Amino acid sequence: MYNKFFGFKEKPFKLVPNPAYFYLSKSHEEAMAHLNYAISQGDGFVEITGEVGTGKTTLCRTFLENLNGSVEAAYIFNPKIGPKQLLKTIIEEFGIQTRSDNTKDLIDMLNAFLIKKKASGKKVILLIDEAQNLNRNVLEQLRLLSNLETNRDKLLQIILVGQPELSEMLNSHALRQVGQRITLSYQLSPLTFYECKEYIQYRINIAAQRSAIKFDRGAYRHIFKYSKGIPRLINIVCDRSLLTAFVMNQFKISAHIARASVKELATRGQTKSYGIPTGKWALIGISFLSVVFLVAVFYQPIREAFTAPFTGQDNLQTNVQGDAVAVKAETKDPTPSVAISDPIDEVHAPPVNHSLQRGSLAEHLKHMDGPSSRQPALIQAMRLWQTSAQYTPYLKDIDDDQTYFRLAAKPNGLFIHRLETDMAFIKKLNLPAILEFYPPGSASPGYLTLTRLDGDKIILKGKSDTEWIVTDLEELEFYWSGVAYLPWKNFHSIWGTIPTQSYKDSVITLKLLLQDIGFKKGAIDDKYDEFNQNAVESIQAKYGIPVDGYVGPLTKIILYREKNSSQMPRLYESQ
């Protein structure tokens, strides 16, 4: 409908797994690397999971399209079949001719085919999409097929791709024989805020080399909030936004258009408390678009009505990054530097009955210079941690903000952990944080330091010591990208990531710390055993971060917070 209007050769946000539109996010790149590594090793089961709409099928098809001639693959995308039907489907996918219906004959023919391919130097893989739909008998059949091997190598490598329920199945006691054969697993993550923006522009560029359509920053925020980084949901809301812009004869997807599209989509499938049936909402939506069309055609001035300020209350995506980060970010010996001291002033939170009004955040962002806001934000955070606010002059030339914060904090005995989260998690941690914002009209992010929570008031610190910015959750979430930089101290010198990259002394220290915060006493040695892992996992589950038993930066922060150290600053005094 709108392709010609916007200059598209085809709709850019179709809900089909087209490899031509495959956007390689960090998570998808890692999943692809896992698959390629698995092929190179050639043994065991491989498991790839991801939520509905994260691009699993597109990943599969892109992976298969890029296989070289040394690999033969069978692709099954409808696994709701029985064991015998599975065998027949596999044989058909490999092009093996047979009229037999006997299970033994089918397995023998498949085995002969695999041996022949092995002799010719080829690898053979079986990729099953939507694998969460496999029943127990079919999984058992797959286990038996994985036993097809020579004295040295497996003849068939099996890749299972499905929703998170697949992992739950494979971790069950009943399927432990299959689960134990999983040698490599990876879970796809939703897109980050930045990846969401890149994803949208990437698909537009594929659909049209030159298109007049533009998305403004506010539109990206609404799309991200609605989709939570799920590509399929991004496609749905973008397609709806393009349709609305077409009806309004506009070449820009504004925040107001995106918000209207999100609002319309959010009502789908819902039954209101006053009893209007769900089906009527479709008619209401059509009626709404019809009115918009008439208004756009006949009453040009009325279009200004679409510039009403945003008042939505959707929550930003909670995507707390896991702990498995490089040990490089944590070092015992900070890099020496020539430091310029900035004396510590005693920092007090503003009084409860302050004079600043809601909206001061928006006014502040209008005049914020993104790059120059990094240093004062970090200095404010350092003061809250009672460290001398020192910085090296040459660091201002570092373009990457994460690197800047990490290197600038290190000489002051602080580490910086970057995470993508929401205010609920930060409140749970009860720690100050440097928050990332995008000032209007700026392509570079700016930063303010979250210093205090006072009821429903959120108090931020600006560049000046007398500049307190008071806002609320609704306004904050409208401007905040969801990225936070968390300063922390390694109080107990737990270095590295336990258990993969750690020191023996760190393991001993961890055990003493776990004992100190209330876990049962165990052997105080340098062995990170199941008892310790279970304790760590219980802490991770309590805070809602990935439960993996690895003690990285975020888990250390939580452990130190659990110890209730008086040396750690607080956003509010806990009850």
Protein backbone atom coordinates (compact mmCIF):
# COMPACT_ATOMS: atom_id res chain seq x y z
CA MET A 1 0.00 0.00 0.00
CA TYR A 2 2.71 2.50 0.99
CA ASN A 3 5.70 1.11 -0.93
CA LYS A 4 5.54 3.57 -3.82
CA PHE A 5 4.89 6.51 -1.50
CA PHE A 6 8.05 5.85 0.53
CA GLY A 7 10.16 4.51 -2.33
CA PHE A 8 10.33 0.89 -1.17
CA LYS A 9 10.77 -1.98 -3.60
CA GLU A 10 8.98 -4.14 -1.02
CA LYS A 11 7.66 -3.81 2.52
CA PRO A 12 10.67 -3.55 4.84
CA PHE A 13 8.98 -5.05 7.90
CA LYS A 14 7.37 -8.23 6.59
CA LEU A 15 6.87 -10.99 9.13
CA VAL A 16 8.78 -13.58 7.08
CA PRO A 17 12.23 -15.05 7.89
CA ASN A 18 14.02 -13.55 4.89
CA PRO A 19 17.83 -13.98 5.17
CA ALA A 20 18.26 -10.85 3.02
CA TYR A 21 16.94 -8.82 5.97
CA PHE A 22 18.97 -10.63 8.61
CA TYR A 23 20.42 -8.07 11.01
CA LEU A 24 23.48 -9.33 12.82
CA SER A 25 23.10 -8.07 16.38
CA LYS A 26 25.73 -8.91 18.97
CA SER A 27 23.59 -11.77 20.26
CA HIS A 28 22.89 -13.15 16.78
CA GLU A 29 26.56 -12.86 15.90
CA GLU A 30 27.47 -14.90 18.98
CA ALA A 31 24.81 -17.50 18.15
CA MET A 32 26.19 -17.79 14.62
CA ALA A 33 29.70 -18.17 16.04
CA HIS A 34 28.44 -20.97 18.30
CA LEU A 35 26.93 -22.76 15.31
CA ASN A 36 30.06 -22.43 13.19
CA TYR A 37 32.23 -23.60 16.06
CA ALA A 38 29.96 -26.58 16.61
CA ILE A 39 30.27 -27.56 12.96
CA SER A 40 34.05 -27.35 13.16
CA GLN A 41 34.07 -29.68 16.19
CA GLY A 42 31.47 -32.07 14.85
CA ASP A 43 30.27 -33.82 17.99
CA GLY A 44 27.29 -33.75 20.35
CA PHE A 45 24.04 -31.87 20.32
CA VAL A 46 23.86 -28.10 19.91
CA GLU A 47 21.05 -26.09 21.52
CA ILE A 48 20.02 -22.56 20.47
CA THR A 49 17.07 -21.00 22.31
CA GLY A 50 15.32 -17.65 22.24
CA GLU A 51 12.00 -16.06 23.01
CA VAL A 52 9.23 -15.91 20.43
CA GLY A 53 10.11 -13.37 17.74
CA THR A 54 13.84 -13.06 18.46
CA GLY A 55 14.79 -14.23 14.95
CA LYS A 56 15.59 -17.90 15.47
CA THR A 57 14.18 -19.07 12.15
CA THR A 58 15.90 -16.27 10.23
CA LEU A 59 19.13 -17.22 11.99
CA CYS A 60 18.67 -20.85 10.92
CA ARG A 61 18.05 -20.00 7.29
CA THR A 62 20.93 -17.56 7.15
CA PHE A 63 23.22 -20.16 8.70
CA LEU A 64 22.15 -22.81 6.18
CA GLU A 65 22.57 -20.43 3.24
CA ASN A 66 26.15 -19.71 4.23
CA LEU A 67 27.31 -23.32 4.60
CA ASN A 68 30.08 -24.30 2.24
CA GLY A 69 30.19 -27.35 0.01
CA SER A 70 31.84 -29.50 2.66
CA VAL A 71 28.64 -29.61 4.75
CA GLU A 72 25.34 -31.23 3.93
CA ALA A 73 22.31 -30.25 5.97
CA ALA A 74 18.75 -31.36 6.55
CA TYR A 75 16.34 -28.73 7.85
CA ILE A 76 13.15 -29.71 9.68
CA PHE A 77 10.85 -26.85 10.68
CA ASN A 78 7.74 -28.80 11.66
CA PRO A 79 8.79 -31.33 14.29
CA LYS A 80 5.30 -32.26 15.49
CA ILE A 81 5.75 -35.79 14.16
CA GLY A 82 6.41 -39.27 15.51
CA PRO A 83 9.75 -41.13 15.59
CA LYS A 84 9.19 -43.01 12.33
CA GLN A 85 7.90 -39.89 10.54
CA LEU A 86 11.03 -38.11 11.74
CA LEU A 87 13.26 -40.76 10.20
CA LYS A 88 11.41 -40.62 6.90
CA THR A 89 11.54 -36.82 6.86
CA ILE A 90 15.31 -36.83 7.50
CA ILE A 91 15.87 -39.35 4.72
CA GLU A 92 13.76 -37.29 2.32
CA GLU A 93 15.66 -34.11 3.24
CA PHE A 94 18.95 -35.81 2.40
CA GLY A 95 17.55 -37.04 -0.91
CA ILE A 96 17.77 -40.75 -0.04
CA GLN A 97 15.43 -42.85 -2.14
CA THR A 98 13.51 -45.54 -0.29
CA ARG A 99 10.15 -47.30 -0.21
CA SER A 100 10.72 -49.09 3.07
CA ASP A 101 8.58 -48.32 6.08
CA ASN A 102 10.63 -50.39 8.50
CA THR A 103 12.43 -48.41 11.22
CA LYS A 104 15.54 -50.62 11.11
CA ASP A 105 15.76 -50.32 7.33
CA LEU A 106 15.46 -46.55 7.54
CA ILE A 107 18.23 -46.29 10.16
CA ASP A 108 20.49 -48.63 8.15
CA MET A 109 20.00 -46.55 5.00
CA LEU A 110 20.73 -43.35 6.89
CA ASN A 111 23.83 -44.88 8.45
CA ALA A 112 25.11 -45.99 5.04
CA PHE A 113 24.51 -42.48 3.67
CA LEU A 114 26.41 -40.91 6.57
CA ILE A 115 29.36 -43.30 6.20
CA LYS A 116 29.55 -42.49 2.49
CA LYS A 117 29.57 -38.75 3.20
CA LYS A 118 32.20 -39.21 5.88
CA ALA A 119 34.40 -41.10 3.45
CA SER A 120 34.12 -38.25 0.95
CA GLY A 121 35.22 -35.74 3.59
CA LYS A 122 31.83 -34.13 4.16
CA LYS A 123 30.12 -33.27 7.41
CA VAL A 124 26.39 -33.87 7.85
CA ILE A 125 24.13 -31.86 10.15
CA LEU A 126 20.48 -32.07 11.09
CA LEU A 127 18.89 -28.76 12.11
CA ILE A 128 15.48 -28.87 13.77
CA ASP A 129 13.59 -25.59 14.22
CA GLU A 130 10.78 -25.16 16.77
CA ALA A 131 12.36 -28.03 18.68
CA GLN A 132 10.33 -27.24 21.81
CA ASN A 133 7.49 -29.11 20.02
CA LEU A 134 9.40 -32.40 19.93
CA ASN A 135 7.84 -35.08 22.06
CA ARG A 136 9.80 -37.41 24.33
CA ASN A 137 9.77 -40.35 21.92
CA VAL A 138 11.15 -38.22 19.09
CA LEU A 139 13.91 -36.85 21.31
CA GLU A 140 14.81 -40.39 22.27
CA GLN A 141 15.00 -41.27 18.58
CA LEU A 142 17.34 -38.33 18.03
CA ARG A 143 19.51 -39.57 20.86
CA LEU A 144 19.80 -42.93 19.16
CA LEU A 145 20.69 -41.25 15.86
CA SER A 146 23.46 -39.37 17.63
CA ASN A 147 25.01 -42.77 18.39
CA LEU A 148 25.73 -43.27 14.69
CA GLU A 149 29.50 -42.96 14.67
CA THR A 150 32.85 -44.36 13.67
CA ASN A 151 35.59 -45.22 16.12
CA ARG A 152 36.72 -41.60 16.10
CA ASP A 153 33.90 -39.31 14.96
CA LYS A 154 30.19 -38.74 15.08
CA LEU A 155 28.51 -39.18 11.72
CA LEU A 156 25.60 -36.84 12.37
CA GLN A 157 25.54 -33.56 14.26
CA ILE A 158 22.17 -32.44 15.59
CA ILE A 159 21.23 -28.79 16.17
CA LEU A 160 18.07 -28.03 18.15
CA VAL A 161 16.59 -24.54 17.88
CA GLY A 162 13.57 -23.53 19.91
CA GLN A 163 11.93 -21.44 22.59
CA PRO A 164 13.21 -21.39 26.21
CA GLU A 165 10.85 -24.28 26.99
CA LEU A 166 13.29 -26.47 25.07
CA SER A 167 15.94 -25.94 27.75
CA GLU A 168 13.43 -26.80 30.45
CA MET A 169 12.63 -30.05 28.65
CA LEU A 170 16.27 -31.02 28.22
CA ASN A 171 17.06 -30.21 31.84
CA SER A 172 14.29 -32.51 33.10
CA HIS A 173 15.16 -35.77 34.79
CA ALA A 174 13.20 -37.80 32.24
CA LEU A 175 15.34 -36.48 29.36
CA ARG A 176 18.70 -36.42 31.14
CA GLN A 177 20.18 -38.84 28.59
CA VAL A 178 19.54 -36.29 25.86
CA GLY A 179 20.41 -33.28 28.02
CA GLN A 180 23.79 -34.73 28.91
CA ARG A 181 24.66 -34.86 25.20
CA ILE A 182 24.28 -31.09 24.80
CA THR A 183 27.87 -29.94 24.29
CA LEU A 184 27.10 -26.37 23.28
CA SER A 185 24.17 -24.10 24.08
CA TYR A 186 23.31 -20.44 23.57
CA GLN A 187 20.29 -18.25 24.30
CA LEU A 188 19.43 -15.40 21.95
CA SER A 189 18.85 -12.05 23.63
CA PRO A 190 16.51 -9.28 22.49
CA LEU A 191 18.02 -6.25 20.77
CA THR A 192 19.38 -3.39 22.81
CA PHE A 193 18.08 0.14 22.34
CA TYR A 194 20.92 0.94 19.96
CA GLU A 195 20.51 -2.28 18.04
CA CYS A 196 16.80 -1.56 17.71
CA LYS A 197 17.60 1.71 15.96
CA GLU A 198 20.18 0.06 13.71
CA TYR A 199 17.80 -2.81 12.94
CA ILE A 200 15.06 -0.44 11.77
CA GLN A 201 17.41 1.56 9.57
CA TYR A 202 19.02 -1.61 8.23
CA ARG A 203 15.71 -3.02 6.99
CA ILE A 204 14.73 0.30 5.45
CA ASN A 205 18.05 0.47 3.60
CA ILE A 206 17.52 -3.05 2.23
CA ALA A 207 14.00 -2.25 1.06
CA ALA A 208 15.00 1.02 -0.60
CA GLN A 209 18.44 2.38 -1.34
CA ARG A 210 16.97 5.85 -1.18
CA SER A 211 13.93 6.43 0.97
CA ALA A 212 12.57 9.68 2.32
CA ILE A 213 11.26 8.03 5.47
CA LYS A 214 12.88 9.03 8.73
CA PHE A 215 12.35 7.94 12.34
CA ASP A 216 13.00 10.50 15.05
CA ARG A 217 14.54 9.62 18.40
CA GLY A 218 11.22 9.73 20.23
CA ALA A 219 9.79 7.19 17.79
CA TYR A 220 12.67 4.83 18.52
CA ARG A 221 11.95 5.11 22.24
CA HIS A 222 8.29 4.17 21.86
CA ILE A 223 9.06 1.29 19.50
CA PHE A 224 11.72 -0.06 21.85
CA LYS A 225 9.51 0.22 24.91
CA TYR A 226 6.70 -1.63 23.18
CA SER A 227 8.82 -4.32 21.56
CA LYS A 228 11.35 -4.79 24.41
CA GLY A 229 13.86 -5.47 21.65
CA ILE A 230 11.97 -8.39 20.07
CA PRO A 231 12.48 -8.12 16.27
CA ARG A 232 9.03 -9.46 15.37
CA LEU A 233 7.32 -6.85 17.56
CA ILE A 234 9.59 -4.16 16.11
CA ASN A 235 8.43 -5.20 12.64
CA ILE A 236 4.77 -5.05 13.65
CA VAL A 237 4.88 -1.59 15.21
CA CYS A 238 7.10 -0.19 12.41
CA ASP A 239 4.72 -1.46 9.74
CA ARG A 240 1.79 0.10 11.60
CA SER A 241 3.70 3.39 11.97
CA LEU A 242 4.49 3.47 8.24
CA LEU A 243 0.82 2.93 7.44
CA THR A 244 -0.21 5.76 9.77
CA ALA A 245 2.41 8.10 8.28
CA PHE A 246 1.21 7.20 4.77
CA VAL A 247 -2.39 8.02 5.69
CA MET A 248 -1.22 11.34 7.15
CA ASN A 249 0.93 12.08 4.06
CA GLN A 250 4.08 12.37 6.16
CA PHE A 251 7.63 11.18 5.51
CA LYS A 252 8.70 11.26 9.14
CA ILE A 253 7.80 8.74 11.83
CA SER A 254 7.50 11.04 14.80
CA ALA A 255 7.20 10.06 18.44
CA HIS A 256 3.49 10.83 18.22
CA ILE A 257 2.91 8.53 15.25
CA ALA A 258 4.87 5.72 16.92
CA ARG A 259 2.99 6.27 20.18
CA ALA A 260 -0.39 6.14 18.41
CA SER A 261 0.62 2.91 16.66
CA VAL A 262 1.81 1.35 19.92
CA LYS A 263 -1.39 2.38 21.66
CA GLU A 264 -3.53 0.80 18.94
CA LEU A 265 -1.51 -2.43 18.98
CA ALA A 266 -1.55 -2.60 22.78
CA THR A 267 -5.38 -2.84 22.76
CA ARG A 268 -5.40 -5.94 20.56
CA GLY A 269 -6.75 -9.01 22.24
CA GLN A 270 -7.76 -7.14 25.39
CA THR A 271 -11.23 -7.02 26.88
CA LYS A 272 -11.96 -3.85 28.79
CA SER A 273 -13.60 -3.96 32.19
CA TYR A 274 -16.71 -2.19 30.95
CA GLY A 275 -17.51 -5.16 28.78
CA ILE A 276 -16.73 -4.21 25.17
CA PRO A 277 -15.87 -7.46 23.32
CA THR A 278 -12.34 -7.76 21.97
CA GLY A 279 -13.53 -8.05 18.39
CA LYS A 280 -14.99 -4.58 18.43
CA TRP A 281 -11.60 -3.05 18.99
CA ALA A 282 -10.58 -4.00 15.47
CA LEU A 283 -13.52 -1.97 14.14
CA ILE A 284 -12.58 0.88 16.44
CA GLY A 285 -9.01 0.82 15.13
CA ILE A 286 -10.22 0.90 11.50
CA SER A 287 -12.55 3.76 12.34
CA PHE A 288 -9.67 5.63 13.96
CA LEU A 289 -7.48 5.30 10.86
CA SER A 290 -10.38 6.43 8.68
CA VAL A 291 -10.83 9.55 10.77
CA VAL A 292 -7.09 10.24 10.60
CA PHE A 293 -7.21 9.92 6.83
CA LEU A 294 -10.11 12.38 6.48
CA VAL A 295 -8.45 14.81 8.82
CA ALA A 296 -5.17 14.60 6.92
CA VAL A 297 -6.88 15.25 3.58
CA PHE A 298 -9.42 17.94 4.49
CA TYR A 299 -8.23 19.70 7.60
CA GLN A 300 -4.53 20.38 7.46
CA PRO A 301 -4.38 22.47 10.66
CA ILE A 302 -5.88 19.65 12.68
CA ARG A 303 -2.73 17.59 12.09
CA GLU A 304 -1.15 19.62 14.82
CA ALA A 305 -3.26 17.61 17.23
CA PHE A 306 -0.82 14.78 16.79
CA THR A 307 1.83 16.81 18.59
CA ALA A 308 0.32 16.26 22.01
CA PRO A 309 2.99 15.45 24.62
CA PHE A 310 3.76 11.87 25.48
CA THR A 311 2.13 10.56 28.66
CA GLY A 312 2.56 6.78 28.29
CA GLN A 313 3.65 4.67 31.21
CA ASP A 314 5.21 1.66 29.57
CA ASN A 315 8.29 0.34 31.26
CA LEU A 316 11.63 0.22 29.57
CA GLN A 317 13.03 -3.19 28.72
CA THR A 318 14.72 -4.96 31.59
CA ASN A 319 17.75 -6.50 30.07
CA VAL A 320 20.27 -6.87 32.81
CA GLN A 321 23.53 -7.95 31.30
CA GLY A 322 25.11 -11.12 32.57
CA ASP A 323 28.33 -11.29 34.56
CA ALA A 324 30.52 -13.17 32.14
CA VAL A 325 32.75 -10.23 31.17
CA ALA A 326 36.46 -10.10 30.56
CA VAL A 327 38.72 -10.01 33.57
CA LYS A 328 40.45 -7.06 31.95
CA ALA A 329 37.84 -4.78 33.47
CA GLU A 330 39.03 -5.77 36.91
CA THR A 331 42.70 -5.45 37.75
CA LYS A 332 44.53 -5.28 41.02
CA ASP A 333 46.98 -2.67 39.82
CA PRO A 334 45.30 0.41 38.44
CA THR A 335 47.01 2.02 35.50
CA PRO A 336 49.18 4.85 36.82
CA SER A 337 48.30 8.29 35.54
CA VAL A 338 49.02 11.93 36.12
CA ALA A 339 45.96 13.00 38.04
CA ILE A 340 44.37 16.37 38.61
CA SER A 341 42.59 16.49 41.91
CA ASP A 342 39.12 17.82 42.34
CA PRO A 343 38.49 18.26 46.07
CA ILE A 344 35.63 16.39 47.70
CA ASP A 345 32.75 18.49 48.90
CA GLU A 346 30.26 17.03 51.28
CA VAL A 347 27.26 16.03 49.19
CA HIS A 348 23.83 16.24 50.69
CA ALA A 349 20.58 15.22 49.05
CA PRO A 350 18.21 18.15 48.54
CA PRO A 351 15.55 18.71 51.15
CA VAL A 352 12.23 17.00 50.64
CA ASN A 353 10.40 20.28 50.23
CA HIS A 354 12.56 21.51 47.38
CA SER A 355 11.57 24.24 44.98
CA LEU A 356 12.43 22.49 41.74
CA GLN A 357 9.45 21.49 39.65
CA ARG A 358 8.79 18.43 37.48
CA GLY A 359 10.00 19.12 33.99
CA SER A 360 13.42 20.36 35.04
CA LEU A 361 14.94 17.24 33.43
CA ALA A 362 13.54 18.16 30.02
CA GLU A 363 14.80 21.72 30.42
CA HIS A 364 18.24 20.50 31.45
CA LEU A 365 18.56 18.13 28.49
CA LYS A 366 17.80 20.97 26.06
CA HIS A 367 21.08 22.63 27.04
CA MET A 368 23.18 19.53 27.69
CA ASP A 369 26.36 18.92 25.73
CA GLY A 370 26.69 15.14 25.61
CA PRO A 371 30.48 14.55 25.50
CA SER A 372 31.28 17.19 28.12
CA SER A 373 28.76 15.70 30.57
CA ARG A 374 30.79 12.53 31.14
CA GLN A 375 33.40 14.02 33.45
CA PRO A 376 31.07 15.87 35.86
CA ALA A 377 28.76 12.85 36.04
CA LEU A 378 31.66 10.61 37.01
CA ILE A 379 32.98 13.15 39.53
CA GLN A 380 29.58 13.31 41.21
CA ALA A 381 29.53 9.51 41.43
CA MET A 382 33.07 9.45 42.86
CA ARG A 383 32.07 11.90 45.58
CA LEU A 384 29.15 9.71 46.60
CA TRP A 385 31.66 6.88 46.97
CA GLN A 386 33.91 9.13 49.08
CA THR A 387 36.84 8.85 46.70
CA SER A 388 39.05 11.68 45.53
CA ALA A 389 37.67 12.85 42.24
CA GLN A 390 40.73 12.50 40.04
CA TYR A 391 40.88 12.20 36.29
CA THR A 392 43.50 12.16 33.56
CA PRO A 393 43.22 14.98 31.00
CA TYR A 394 43.92 12.83 27.94
CA LEU A 395 40.89 10.63 28.57
CA LYS A 396 38.58 13.25 27.09
CA ASP A 397 39.77 12.14 23.64
CA ILE A 398 38.30 8.62 24.12
CA ASP A 399 35.18 8.30 21.99
CA ASP A 400 33.76 5.11 23.53
CA ASP A 401 31.89 6.12 26.68
CA GLN A 402 32.21 2.75 28.41
CA THR A 403 35.98 2.79 27.95
CA TYR A 404 36.10 6.39 29.18
CA PHE A 405 34.24 5.65 32.40
CA ARG A 406 36.24 2.49 33.06
CA LEU A 407 39.66 4.13 32.59
CA ALA A 408 38.70 7.34 34.38
CA ALA A 409 37.36 5.46 37.41
CA LYS A 410 40.24 2.98 37.75
CA PRO A 411 42.88 5.36 39.27
CA ASN A 412 40.32 6.26 41.93
CA GLY A 413 39.84 2.69 43.10
CA LEU A 414 36.48 2.33 41.40
CA PHE A 415 35.25 -0.08 38.78
CA ILE A 416 32.43 0.62 36.33
CA HIS A 417 29.83 -1.96 35.32
CA ARG A 418 27.60 -1.16 32.34
CA LEU A 419 24.13 -2.63 32.29
CA GLU A 420 20.84 -2.20 30.47
CA THR A 421 18.06 -2.24 32.99
CA ASP A 422 15.15 -0.34 34.50
CA MET A 423 14.65 1.78 37.60
CA ALA A 424 13.11 -1.11 39.53
CA PHE A 425 16.41 -3.02 39.41
CA ILE A 426 18.50 0.03 40.31
CA LYS A 427 16.17 0.65 43.24
CA LYS A 428 16.67 -2.95 44.31
CA LEU A 429 20.44 -2.48 44.24
CA ASN A 430 20.06 0.83 46.11
CA LEU A 431 23.22 2.24 44.57
CA PRO A 432 23.96 5.50 42.71
CA ALA A 433 24.32 5.17 38.96
CA ILE A 434 25.39 7.25 35.98
CA LEU A 435 22.41 7.31 33.59
CA GLU A 436 22.59 7.77 29.83
CA PHE A 437 20.27 10.25 28.11
CA TYR A 438 19.93 11.52 24.56
CA PRO A 439 19.56 15.31 24.55
CA PRO A 440 17.11 16.63 21.92
CA GLY A 441 18.84 17.22 18.59
CA SER A 442 22.05 15.46 19.69
CA ALA A 443 23.49 12.31 18.19
CA SER A 444 25.73 11.80 21.22
CA PRO A 445 24.47 10.66 24.62
CA GLY A 446 24.76 12.76 27.75
CA TYR A 447 25.02 11.70 31.38
CA LEU A 448 23.56 12.59 34.76
CA THR A 449 24.20 10.94 38.11
CA LEU A 450 21.31 9.36 39.97
CA THR A 451 21.98 10.39 43.58
CA ARG A 452 18.79 9.80 45.54
CA LEU A 453 15.27 8.37 45.51
CA ASP A 454 12.79 10.25 47.69
CA GLY A 455 9.36 8.60 47.49
CA ASP A 456 8.21 9.05 43.90
CA LYS A 457 10.85 11.72 43.27
CA ILE A 458 14.00 10.80 41.37
CA ILE A 459 16.89 13.16 42.09
CA LEU A 460 19.72 13.60 39.59
CA LYS A 461 22.92 15.64 39.84
CA GLY A 462 24.01 18.00 37.11
CA LYS A 463 27.32 19.64 36.37
CA SER A 464 27.07 22.23 39.09
CA ASP A 465 27.17 21.33 42.79
CA THR A 466 24.06 23.43 43.30
CA GLU A 467 22.17 21.96 40.38
CA TRP A 468 19.68 19.31 41.52
CA ILE A 469 17.36 17.88 38.90
CA VAL A 470 14.11 16.46 40.22
CA THR A 471 11.91 14.26 38.07
CA ASP A 472 9.56 11.28 38.33
CA LEU A 473 9.53 7.80 36.82
CA GLU A 474 7.34 8.72 33.85
CA GLU A 475 9.51 11.60 32.71
CA LEU A 476 12.74 9.73 33.42
CA GLU A 477 11.76 6.70 31.35
CA PHE A 478 10.81 8.96 28.44
CA TYR A 479 14.33 10.38 28.16
CA TRP A 480 16.51 7.67 29.68
CA SER A 481 17.94 5.15 27.19
CA GLY A 482 17.93 2.36 29.79
CA VAL A 483 21.74 2.26 29.98
CA ALA A 484 23.35 2.75 33.39
CA TYR A 485 26.99 2.80 34.47
CA LEU A 486 27.34 1.42 37.98
CA PRO A 487 30.41 2.48 40.02
CA TRP A 488 31.56 -0.10 42.58
CA LYS A 489 34.47 -1.10 44.78
CA ASN A 490 35.98 -4.55 45.03
CA PHE A 491 35.96 -4.45 48.82
CA HIS A 492 37.09 -8.02 49.39
CA SER A 493 39.48 -8.34 46.43
CA ILE A 494 37.57 -11.09 44.64
CA TRP A 495 39.46 -10.93 41.34
CA GLY A 496 38.49 -12.48 38.05
CA THR A 497 35.31 -14.36 37.21
CA ILE A 498 34.69 -17.41 39.36
CA PRO A 499 35.05 -20.22 38.37
CA THR A 500 36.41 -19.68 34.84
CA GLN A 501 39.04 -16.97 35.39
CA SER A 502 39.84 -16.56 39.03
CA TYR A 503 42.48 -16.84 41.72
CA LYS A 504 42.54 -19.44 44.50
CA ASP A 505 42.52 -16.71 47.14
CA SER A 506 39.43 -15.21 45.53
CA VAL A 507 37.53 -18.48 45.89
CA ILE A 508 38.48 -18.69 49.56
CA THR A 509 37.39 -15.07 50.07
CA LEU A 510 34.10 -15.77 48.33
CA LYS A 511 33.40 -18.69 50.65
CA LEU A 512 34.08 -16.54 53.70
CA LEU A 513 31.81 -13.82 52.32
CA LEU A 514 28.96 -16.26 51.63
CA GLN A 515 29.34 -17.57 55.17
CA ASP A 516 29.31 -14.01 56.50
CA ILE A 517 26.03 -13.10 54.80
CA GLY A 518 24.18 -16.08 56.19
CA PHE A 519 24.88 -19.21 54.17
CA LYS A 520 25.81 -22.42 55.97
CA LYS A 521 29.43 -23.10 56.76
CA GLY A 522 31.34 -25.34 54.40
CA ALA A 523 34.92 -26.24 53.71
CA ILE A 524 37.09 -23.11 53.49
CA ASP A 525 39.35 -24.11 50.62
CA ASP A 526 40.03 -22.97 47.07
CA LYS A 527 37.51 -25.35 45.43
CA TYR A 528 34.38 -23.74 43.98
CA ASP A 529 31.97 -26.61 44.57
CA GLU A 530 28.26 -27.23 44.05
CA PHE A 531 27.45 -25.90 47.52
CA ASN A 532 28.99 -22.51 46.69
CA GLN A 533 27.41 -22.42 43.24
CA ASN A 534 23.94 -23.04 44.69
CA ALA A 535 24.48 -20.19 47.16
CA VAL A 536 25.55 -17.82 44.39
CA GLU A 537 22.62 -18.86 42.22
CA SER A 538 20.18 -18.16 45.04
CA ILE A 539 21.58 -14.63 45.35
CA GLN A 540 21.33 -14.13 41.59
CA ALA A 541 17.72 -15.35 41.57
CA LYS A 542 16.84 -12.99 44.43
CA TYR A 543 17.93 -9.98 42.37
CA GLY A 544 16.56 -11.20 39.05
CA ILE A 545 19.84 -11.41 37.16
CA PRO A 546 20.87 -14.40 34.99
CA VAL A 547 21.18 -17.45 37.23
CA ASP A 548 24.40 -19.06 36.02
CA GLY A 549 26.51 -19.47 39.18
CA TYR A 550 29.31 -17.31 37.75
CA VAL A 551 30.70 -14.64 40.04
CA GLY A 552 31.37 -11.67 37.81
CA PRO A 553 31.10 -7.91 38.44
CA LEU A 554 27.35 -7.67 38.94
CA THR A 555 27.22 -10.69 41.27
CA LYS A 556 30.10 -9.21 43.30
CA ILE A 557 28.23 -5.93 43.62
CA ILE A 558 25.16 -7.80 44.87
CA LEU A 559 27.20 -9.87 47.33
CA TYR A 560 28.78 -6.72 48.77
CA ARG A 561 25.36 -5.11 49.00
CA GLU A 562 24.01 -8.21 50.77
CA LYS A 563 26.78 -7.78 53.34
CA ASN A 564 25.23 -4.36 53.90
CA SER A 565 28.54 -2.59 53.87
CA SER A 566 28.40 0.87 55.46
CA GLN A 567 31.03 1.92 52.93
CA MET A 568 28.53 1.72 50.06
CA PRO A 569 26.42 4.81 49.28
CA ARG A 570 22.65 4.47 49.15
CA LEU A 571 19.88 6.01 47.11
CA TYR A 572 17.51 5.75 50.05
CA GLU A 573 17.55 4.45 53.59
CA SER A 574 16.03 0.99 53.66
CA GLN A 575 13.29 0.24 56.16
